[in-house]
Amino acid sequence: MLGKRGELYVVIQGLLFALVLFGPASVAGIPAWPLGLTMLFSFSGIVLIAFGFVVAVLAAWNLGRSLTPLPYPKKNAELVTTGLFGYVRHPIYFGVILLAFGWSLYTQGTLTLCYSLVLALFLDIKSRQEEIWLCQKFADYRQYQMTTSKLIPYVY
């Protein structure tokens, strides 16, 4: 069902991210965000979007040849625990979460915020399966799990 290497996870993740970016931002009857804070939300959103983009790109760079869109590790993958991976085990997911919540703040869409929450929860679920496969591939992964946050540095 999920595909041998987690292909369905990638499809669902892409659809959720597209929903964040292009889905309806709100519906009639849901109160608008506070008008006096519009500029603050927009600016904060831009900062999160930029930071999330940089984090995701740097994390992809840190992975080098081990980078794959699939949660199943490549045959020739090496365990990366330095750079951004020294702070969080899934920095690309962290960057995507920052991007999604940044977009929510920028658009001030209540539904967009809900989509971002669903995307973050989904990435947590996806990372659980990914970590099962990483533990099977790398003997050192369990120790890495115990010393490094999963999705949000120093928090979770």
N, C-alpha and C. Protein backbone atom coordinates (compact mmCIF):
# COMPACT_ATOMS: atom_id res chain seq x y z
N MET A 1 0.81 -1.20 0.00
CA MET A 1 0.00 0.00 0.00
C MET A 1 0.85 1.27 0.00
N LEU A 2 1.86 1.30 0.86
CA LEU A 2 2.70 2.49 0.94
C LEU A 2 3.79 2.49 -0.11
N GLY A 3 3.94 1.40 -0.81
CA GLY A 3 5.05 1.26 -1.74
C GLY A 3 6.24 0.70 -0.98
N LYS A 4 7.13 0.06 -1.67
CA LYS A 4 8.28 -0.57 -1.02
C LYS A 4 9.19 0.44 -0.32
N ARG A 5 9.24 1.64 -0.85
CA ARG A 5 10.15 2.65 -0.30
C ARG A 5 9.42 3.87 0.25
N GLY A 6 8.10 3.75 0.41
CA GLY A 6 7.34 4.85 0.98
C GLY A 6 6.84 5.86 -0.03
N GLU A 7 6.61 5.41 -1.25
CA GLU A 7 6.18 6.33 -2.30
C GLU A 7 4.88 7.06 -1.96
N LEU A 8 3.93 6.34 -1.32
CA LEU A 8 2.65 6.97 -0.98
C LEU A 8 2.83 8.11 0.01
N TYR A 9 3.77 7.96 0.92
CA TYR A 9 4.07 9.06 1.85
C TYR A 9 4.45 10.33 1.09
N VAL A 10 5.27 10.16 0.07
CA VAL A 10 5.73 11.32 -0.72
C VAL A 10 4.56 11.96 -1.46
N VAL A 11 3.68 11.16 -2.01
CA VAL A 11 2.52 11.68 -2.73
C VAL A 11 1.62 12.46 -1.77
N ILE A 12 1.32 11.87 -0.61
CA ILE A 12 0.46 12.55 0.36
C ILE A 12 1.12 13.84 0.86
N GLN A 13 2.41 13.80 1.13
CA GLN A 13 3.13 15.00 1.57
C GLN A 13 3.03 16.09 0.51
N GLY A 14 3.21 15.74 -0.74
CA GLY A 14 3.10 16.72 -1.82
C GLY A 14 1.71 17.32 -1.92
N LEU A 15 0.70 16.48 -1.79
CA LEU A 15 -0.68 16.96 -1.85
C LEU A 15 -0.99 17.90 -0.68
N LEU A 16 -0.52 17.54 0.51
CA LEU A 16 -0.75 18.40 1.67
C LEU A 16 -0.03 19.74 1.52
N PHE A 17 1.20 19.70 1.01
CA PHE A 17 1.93 20.96 0.81
C PHE A 17 1.24 21.81 -0.24
N ALA A 18 0.73 21.18 -1.29
CA ALA A 18 -0.02 21.92 -2.31
C ALA A 18 -1.28 22.52 -1.71
N LEU A 19 -1.93 21.80 -0.82
CA LEU A 19 -3.12 22.32 -0.15
C LEU A 19 -2.77 23.55 0.69
N VAL A 20 -1.64 23.49 1.38
CA VAL A 20 -1.19 24.66 2.16
C VAL A 20 -1.02 25.86 1.24
N LEU A 21 -0.35 25.66 0.12
CA LEU A 21 -0.04 26.77 -0.78
C LEU A 21 -1.23 27.25 -1.61
N PHE A 22 -2.06 26.32 -2.07
CA PHE A 22 -3.08 26.68 -3.06
C PHE A 22 -4.52 26.44 -2.62
N GLY A 23 -4.71 25.81 -1.46
CA GLY A 23 -6.06 25.54 -0.99
C GLY A 23 -6.75 26.80 -0.52
N PRO A 24 -8.07 26.72 -0.34
CA PRO A 24 -8.79 27.90 0.16
C PRO A 24 -8.23 28.30 1.53
N ALA A 25 -7.99 29.58 1.72
CA ALA A 25 -7.37 30.07 2.95
C ALA A 25 -8.36 30.17 4.10
N SER A 26 -9.61 30.42 3.80
CA SER A 26 -10.60 30.53 4.87
C SER A 26 -11.99 30.32 4.27
N VAL A 27 -12.97 30.24 5.13
CA VAL A 27 -14.36 30.10 4.70
C VAL A 27 -15.19 31.15 5.42
N ALA A 28 -16.30 31.46 4.83
CA ALA A 28 -17.20 32.45 5.44
C ALA A 28 -17.64 31.95 6.81
N GLY A 29 -17.72 32.87 7.73
CA GLY A 29 -18.16 32.52 9.08
C GLY A 29 -17.03 32.32 10.06
N ILE A 30 -15.82 32.08 9.55
CA ILE A 30 -14.65 31.96 10.44
C ILE A 30 -14.12 33.37 10.65
N PRO A 31 -13.96 33.77 11.91
CA PRO A 31 -13.48 35.14 12.17
C PRO A 31 -12.12 35.40 11.52
N ALA A 32 -11.95 36.62 11.05
CA ALA A 32 -10.68 37.03 10.45
C ALA A 32 -9.62 37.17 11.54
N TRP A 33 -8.38 37.17 11.13
CA TRP A 33 -7.29 37.39 12.06
C TRP A 33 -7.34 38.85 12.51
N PRO A 34 -6.81 39.16 13.67
CA PRO A 34 -6.87 40.55 14.16
C PRO A 34 -6.28 41.54 13.17
N LEU A 35 -7.07 42.52 12.76
CA LEU A 35 -6.64 43.48 11.74
C LEU A 35 -5.44 44.30 12.17
N GLY A 36 -5.35 44.65 13.44
CA GLY A 36 -4.25 45.47 13.89
C GLY A 36 -2.90 44.79 13.82
N LEU A 37 -2.91 43.48 13.62
CA LEU A 37 -1.66 42.72 13.59
C LEU A 37 -1.31 42.21 12.19
N THR A 38 -2.00 42.69 11.19
CA THR A 38 -1.80 42.21 9.82
C THR A 38 -0.34 42.32 9.38
N MET A 39 0.26 43.47 9.59
CA MET A 39 1.66 43.67 9.18
C MET A 39 2.60 42.75 9.96
N LEU A 40 2.35 42.59 11.25
CA LEU A 40 3.18 41.72 12.08
C LEU A 40 3.10 40.27 11.60
N PHE A 41 1.87 39.80 11.33
CA PHE A 41 1.71 38.43 10.82
C PHE A 41 2.40 38.26 9.48
N SER A 42 2.21 39.21 8.58
CA SER A 42 2.83 39.12 7.25
C SER A 42 4.35 39.11 7.34
N PHE A 43 4.91 40.01 8.14
CA PHE A 43 6.37 40.06 8.28
C PHE A 43 6.89 38.78 8.92
N SER A 44 6.23 38.32 9.97
CA SER A 44 6.64 37.08 10.64
C SER A 44 6.57 35.90 9.67
N GLY A 45 5.54 35.89 8.84
CA GLY A 45 5.40 34.83 7.84
C GLY A 45 6.54 34.83 6.85
N ILE A 46 6.92 36.00 6.38
CA ILE A 46 8.04 36.11 5.43
C ILE A 46 9.33 35.60 6.07
N VAL A 47 9.55 35.96 7.32
CA VAL A 47 10.76 35.51 8.03
C VAL A 47 10.76 33.98 8.15
N LEU A 48 9.62 33.40 8.54
CA LEU A 48 9.55 31.94 8.66
C LEU A 48 9.72 31.25 7.31
N ILE A 49 9.12 31.81 6.28
CA ILE A 49 9.27 31.22 4.94
C ILE A 49 10.74 31.22 4.53
N ALA A 50 11.41 32.34 4.71
CA ALA A 50 12.83 32.44 4.33
C ALA A 50 13.68 31.49 5.16
N PHE A 51 13.45 31.46 6.47
CA PHE A 51 14.22 30.58 7.35
C PHE A 51 13.96 29.12 7.00
N GLY A 52 12.69 28.76 6.78
CA GLY A 52 12.35 27.39 6.43
C GLY A 52 12.99 26.95 5.13
N PHE A 53 13.00 27.85 4.15
CA PHE A 53 13.62 27.55 2.86
C PHE A 53 15.12 27.29 3.04
N VAL A 54 15.79 28.16 3.78
CA VAL A 54 17.23 28.01 4.01
C VAL A 54 17.52 26.71 4.75
N VAL A 55 16.73 26.40 5.78
CA VAL A 55 16.92 25.16 6.54
C VAL A 55 16.77 23.95 5.62
N ALA A 56 15.70 23.91 4.83
CA ALA A 56 15.46 22.76 3.96
C ALA A 56 16.57 22.60 2.92
N VAL A 57 17.01 23.69 2.33
CA VAL A 57 18.06 23.62 1.31
C VAL A 57 19.39 23.20 1.94
N LEU A 58 19.74 23.78 3.08
CA LEU A 58 21.00 23.39 3.74
C LEU A 58 20.97 21.93 4.18
N ALA A 59 19.82 21.47 4.67
CA ALA A 59 19.71 20.07 5.08
C ALA A 59 19.87 19.14 3.89
N ALA A 60 19.27 19.51 2.76
CA ALA A 60 19.43 18.70 1.55
C ALA A 60 20.90 18.68 1.13
N TRP A 61 21.55 19.82 1.25
CA TRP A 61 22.98 19.92 0.94
C TRP A 61 23.80 19.03 1.88
N ASN A 62 23.46 19.05 3.19
CA ASN A 62 24.15 18.22 4.17
C ASN A 62 24.04 16.73 3.83
N LEU A 63 22.90 16.31 3.30
CA LEU A 63 22.70 14.90 2.96
C LEU A 63 23.54 14.46 1.77
N GLY A 64 23.82 15.39 0.88
CA GLY A 64 24.65 15.06 -0.27
C GLY A 64 24.08 13.92 -1.08
N ARG A 65 24.89 12.91 -1.35
CA ARG A 65 24.48 11.77 -2.17
C ARG A 65 23.43 10.89 -1.48
N SER A 66 23.24 11.06 -0.20
CA SER A 66 22.24 10.26 0.52
C SER A 66 20.83 10.82 0.35
N LEU A 67 20.70 12.01 -0.26
CA LEU A 67 19.40 12.64 -0.44
C LEU A 67 18.51 11.83 -1.37
N THR A 68 17.29 11.60 -0.92
CA THR A 68 16.27 10.94 -1.73
C THR A 68 14.91 11.52 -1.32
N PRO A 69 13.98 11.64 -2.25
CA PRO A 69 12.65 12.12 -1.87
C PRO A 69 11.86 11.09 -1.07
N LEU A 70 12.32 9.84 -1.13
CA LEU A 70 11.61 8.76 -0.45
C LEU A 70 12.09 8.60 1.00
N PRO A 71 11.22 8.15 1.89
CA PRO A 71 11.65 7.93 3.27
C PRO A 71 12.57 6.72 3.44
N TYR A 72 12.58 5.82 2.48
CA TYR A 72 13.45 4.65 2.55
C TYR A 72 14.86 5.07 2.14
N PRO A 73 15.86 4.77 2.97
CA PRO A 73 17.22 5.23 2.64
C PRO A 73 17.80 4.52 1.41
N LYS A 74 18.64 5.25 0.70
CA LYS A 74 19.33 4.69 -0.47
C LYS A 74 20.26 3.57 -0.03
N LYS A 75 20.56 2.68 -0.96
CA LYS A 75 21.47 1.58 -0.67
C LYS A 75 22.84 2.08 -0.24
N ASN A 76 23.33 3.13 -0.89
CA ASN A 76 24.68 3.65 -0.59
C ASN A 76 24.64 4.84 0.37
N ALA A 77 23.53 5.02 1.08
CA ALA A 77 23.39 6.16 1.99
C ALA A 77 24.34 6.05 3.17
N GLU A 78 24.76 7.21 3.64
CA GLU A 78 25.57 7.29 4.85
C GLU A 78 24.75 8.03 5.90
N LEU A 79 24.92 7.67 7.16
CA LEU A 79 24.22 8.35 8.25
C LEU A 79 24.87 9.70 8.48
N VAL A 80 24.08 10.76 8.33
CA VAL A 80 24.57 12.12 8.53
C VAL A 80 24.08 12.61 9.88
N THR A 81 25.01 12.99 10.75
CA THR A 81 24.65 13.48 12.09
C THR A 81 25.30 14.83 12.40
N THR A 82 25.86 15.45 11.38
CA THR A 82 26.52 16.74 11.56
C THR A 82 25.74 17.82 10.84
N GLY A 83 26.20 19.05 10.95
CA GLY A 83 25.48 20.17 10.35
C GLY A 83 24.12 20.32 11.01
N LEU A 84 23.10 20.58 10.24
CA LEU A 84 21.75 20.71 10.80
C LEU A 84 21.27 19.42 11.43
N PHE A 85 21.79 18.30 10.95
CA PHE A 85 21.41 17.00 11.51
C PHE A 85 21.96 16.80 12.93
N GLY A 86 22.82 17.67 13.37
CA GLY A 86 23.28 17.64 14.76
C GLY A 86 22.28 18.27 15.72
N TYR A 87 21.30 18.99 15.17
CA TYR A 87 20.28 19.66 15.98
C TYR A 87 18.92 18.98 15.90
N VAL A 88 18.64 18.39 14.75
CA VAL A 88 17.33 17.77 14.53
C VAL A 88 17.51 16.64 13.52
N ARG A 89 16.83 15.51 13.76
CA ARG A 89 17.01 14.34 12.90
C ARG A 89 16.39 14.50 11.52
N HIS A 90 15.39 15.36 11.40
CA HIS A 90 14.71 15.56 10.12
C HIS A 90 14.64 17.05 9.79
N PRO A 91 15.79 17.66 9.50
CA PRO A 91 15.78 19.11 9.26
C PRO A 91 15.03 19.53 7.99
N ILE A 92 14.95 18.67 6.99
CA ILE A 92 14.17 19.05 5.81
C ILE A 92 12.70 19.16 6.19
N TYR A 93 12.20 18.21 6.97
CA TYR A 93 10.82 18.28 7.44
C TYR A 93 10.62 19.53 8.30
N PHE A 94 11.58 19.82 9.14
CA PHE A 94 11.51 21.04 9.97
C PHE A 94 11.40 22.27 9.07
N GLY A 95 12.20 22.33 8.03
CA GLY A 95 12.13 23.45 7.10
C GLY A 95 10.78 23.54 6.41
N VAL A 96 10.23 22.41 6.00
CA VAL A 96 8.92 22.39 5.36
C VAL A 96 7.84 22.86 6.33
N ILE A 97 7.94 22.45 7.58
CA ILE A 97 6.97 22.89 8.60
C ILE A 97 7.07 24.40 8.79
N LEU A 98 8.29 24.93 8.85
CA LEU A 98 8.46 26.38 8.97
C LEU A 98 7.86 27.10 7.77
N LEU A 99 8.11 26.58 6.58
CA LEU A 99 7.54 27.17 5.36
C LEU A 99 6.02 27.20 5.43
N ALA A 100 5.43 26.09 5.82
CA ALA A 100 3.96 26.00 5.86
C ALA A 100 3.37 26.98 6.87
N PHE A 101 3.94 27.02 8.06
CA PHE A 101 3.41 27.94 9.07
C PHE A 101 3.71 29.39 8.71
N GLY A 102 4.84 29.62 8.05
CA GLY A 102 5.14 30.96 7.56
C GLY A 102 4.12 31.41 6.54
N TRP A 103 3.74 30.51 5.63
CA TRP A 103 2.73 30.83 4.63
C TRP A 103 1.38 31.10 5.30
N SER A 104 1.09 30.33 6.35
CA SER A 104 -0.16 30.55 7.11
C SER A 104 -0.20 31.95 7.71
N LEU A 105 0.92 32.36 8.27
CA LEU A 105 0.99 33.71 8.85
C LEU A 105 0.91 34.77 7.76
N TYR A 106 1.59 34.54 6.67
CA TYR A 106 1.61 35.53 5.60
C TYR A 106 0.21 35.72 5.00
N THR A 107 -0.49 34.61 4.74
CA THR A 107 -1.82 34.68 4.14
C THR A 107 -2.91 34.95 5.17
N GLN A 108 -2.58 34.70 6.44
CA GLN A 108 -3.55 34.85 7.54
C GLN A 108 -4.82 34.06 7.26
N GLY A 109 -4.63 32.87 6.76
CA GLY A 109 -5.75 31.97 6.46
C GLY A 109 -5.93 30.96 7.56
N THR A 110 -7.09 30.94 8.13
CA THR A 110 -7.39 29.98 9.20
C THR A 110 -7.32 28.55 8.67
N LEU A 111 -7.88 28.32 7.49
CA LEU A 111 -7.77 26.98 6.90
C LEU A 111 -6.33 26.64 6.56
N THR A 112 -5.59 27.61 6.08
CA THR A 112 -4.18 27.38 5.77
C THR A 112 -3.42 26.96 7.03
N LEU A 113 -3.73 27.57 8.14
CA LEU A 113 -3.13 27.19 9.41
C LEU A 113 -3.50 25.74 9.76
N CYS A 114 -4.74 25.38 9.54
CA CYS A 114 -5.18 23.99 9.80
C CYS A 114 -4.46 23.01 8.89
N TYR A 115 -4.33 23.37 7.60
CA TYR A 115 -3.60 22.50 6.67
C TYR A 115 -2.15 22.32 7.13
N SER A 116 -1.56 23.41 7.62
CA SER A 116 -0.16 23.34 8.10
C SER A 116 -0.04 22.40 9.29
N LEU A 117 -1.01 22.43 10.17
CA LEU A 117 -1.02 21.51 11.32
C LEU A 117 -1.11 20.06 10.84
N VAL A 118 -1.99 19.81 9.89
CA VAL A 118 -2.13 18.46 9.34
C VAL A 118 -0.83 18.02 8.67
N LEU A 119 -0.20 18.91 7.93
CA LEU A 119 1.08 18.59 7.29
C LEU A 119 2.14 18.25 8.34
N ALA A 120 2.21 19.04 9.40
CA ALA A 120 3.20 18.77 10.46
C ALA A 120 2.93 17.42 11.12
N LEU A 121 1.68 17.11 11.39
CA LEU A 121 1.34 15.81 11.98
C LEU A 121 1.69 14.68 11.01
N PHE A 122 1.41 14.89 9.74
CA PHE A 122 1.73 13.87 8.75
C PHE A 122 3.25 13.64 8.68
N LEU A 123 4.04 14.70 8.71
CA LEU A 123 5.49 14.54 8.66
C LEU A 123 6.00 13.79 9.89
N ASP A 124 5.35 13.97 11.02
CA ASP A 124 5.71 13.21 12.21
C ASP A 124 5.43 11.71 11.98
N ILE A 125 4.27 11.42 11.41
CA ILE A 125 3.91 10.02 11.11
C ILE A 125 4.88 9.44 10.09
N LYS A 126 5.16 10.18 9.03
CA LYS A 126 6.09 9.72 8.00
C LYS A 126 7.47 9.46 8.58
N SER A 127 7.91 10.34 9.47
CA SER A 127 9.24 10.19 10.05
C SER A 127 9.34 8.94 10.93
N ARG A 128 8.23 8.52 11.51
CA ARG A 128 8.24 7.28 12.32
C ARG A 128 8.61 6.08 11.46
N GLN A 129 7.98 5.96 10.29
CA GLN A 129 8.31 4.86 9.38
C GLN A 129 9.74 5.00 8.87
N GLU A 130 10.11 6.22 8.54
CA GLU A 130 11.47 6.47 8.05
C GLU A 130 12.50 6.03 9.09
N GLU A 131 12.22 6.31 10.34
CA GLU A 131 13.18 5.95 11.40
C GLU A 131 13.25 4.45 11.62
N ILE A 132 12.17 3.74 11.38
CA ILE A 132 12.23 2.27 11.44
C ILE A 132 13.24 1.77 10.41
N TRP A 133 13.13 2.30 9.20
CA TRP A 133 14.06 1.89 8.14
C TRP A 133 15.48 2.35 8.42
N LEU A 134 15.64 3.55 9.00
CA LEU A 134 16.99 4.04 9.32
C LEU A 134 17.62 3.19 10.43
N CYS A 135 16.83 2.75 11.39
CA CYS A 135 17.36 1.87 12.45
C CYS A 135 17.80 0.53 11.87
N GLN A 136 17.07 0.04 10.88
CA GLN A 136 17.44 -1.23 10.24
C GLN A 136 18.72 -1.09 9.43
N LYS A 137 18.95 0.08 8.87
CA LYS A 137 20.12 0.29 8.00
C LYS A 137 21.37 0.68 8.79
N PHE A 138 21.20 1.51 9.82
CA PHE A 138 22.35 2.05 10.55
C PHE A 138 22.34 1.62 12.02
N ALA A 139 23.38 0.91 12.42
CA ALA A 139 23.46 0.44 13.81
C ALA A 139 23.52 1.61 14.79
N ASP A 140 24.07 2.75 14.37
CA ASP A 140 24.23 3.91 15.26
C ASP A 140 22.97 4.77 15.38
N TYR A 141 21.91 4.44 14.63
CA TYR A 141 20.76 5.34 14.59
C TYR A 141 20.03 5.44 15.93
N ARG A 142 19.93 4.35 16.66
CA ARG A 142 19.24 4.39 17.98
C ARG A 142 19.92 5.38 18.92
N GLN A 143 21.24 5.38 18.95
CA GLN A 143 21.97 6.33 19.79
C GLN A 143 21.72 7.76 19.32
N TYR A 144 21.71 7.96 18.03
CA TYR A 144 21.43 9.27 17.45
C TYR A 144 20.03 9.75 17.86
N GLN A 145 19.05 8.83 17.85
CA GLN A 145 17.69 9.17 18.27
C GLN A 145 17.65 9.67 19.72
N MET A 146 18.46 9.08 20.55
CA MET A 146 18.44 9.43 21.97
C MET A 146 19.09 10.78 22.27
N THR A 147 19.91 11.26 21.37
CA THR A 147 20.67 12.49 21.64
C THR A 147 20.25 13.68 20.79
N THR A 148 19.33 13.47 19.84
CA THR A 148 18.98 14.54 18.90
C THR A 148 17.46 14.65 18.77
N SER A 149 16.95 15.87 18.78
CA SER A 149 15.51 16.11 18.62
C SER A 149 15.04 15.56 17.28
N LYS A 150 13.76 15.24 17.22
CA LYS A 150 13.20 14.63 16.01
C LYS A 150 12.86 15.66 14.93
N LEU A 151 11.97 16.59 15.23
CA LEU A 151 11.48 17.52 14.21
C LEU A 151 11.71 18.99 14.53
N ILE A 152 11.75 19.33 15.80
CA ILE A 152 11.92 20.72 16.21
C ILE A 152 13.10 20.80 17.18
N PRO A 153 14.18 21.46 16.80
CA PRO A 153 15.38 21.47 17.66
C PRO A 153 15.08 21.87 19.10
N TYR A 154 15.60 21.06 20.02
CA TYR A 154 15.51 21.29 21.46
C TYR A 154 14.09 21.18 22.01
N VAL A 155 13.11 20.84 21.16
CA VAL A 155 11.72 20.76 21.62
C VAL A 155 11.15 19.37 21.42
N TYR A 156 11.22 18.87 20.18
CA TYR A 156 10.61 17.57 19.86
C TYR A 156 11.40 16.88 18.75
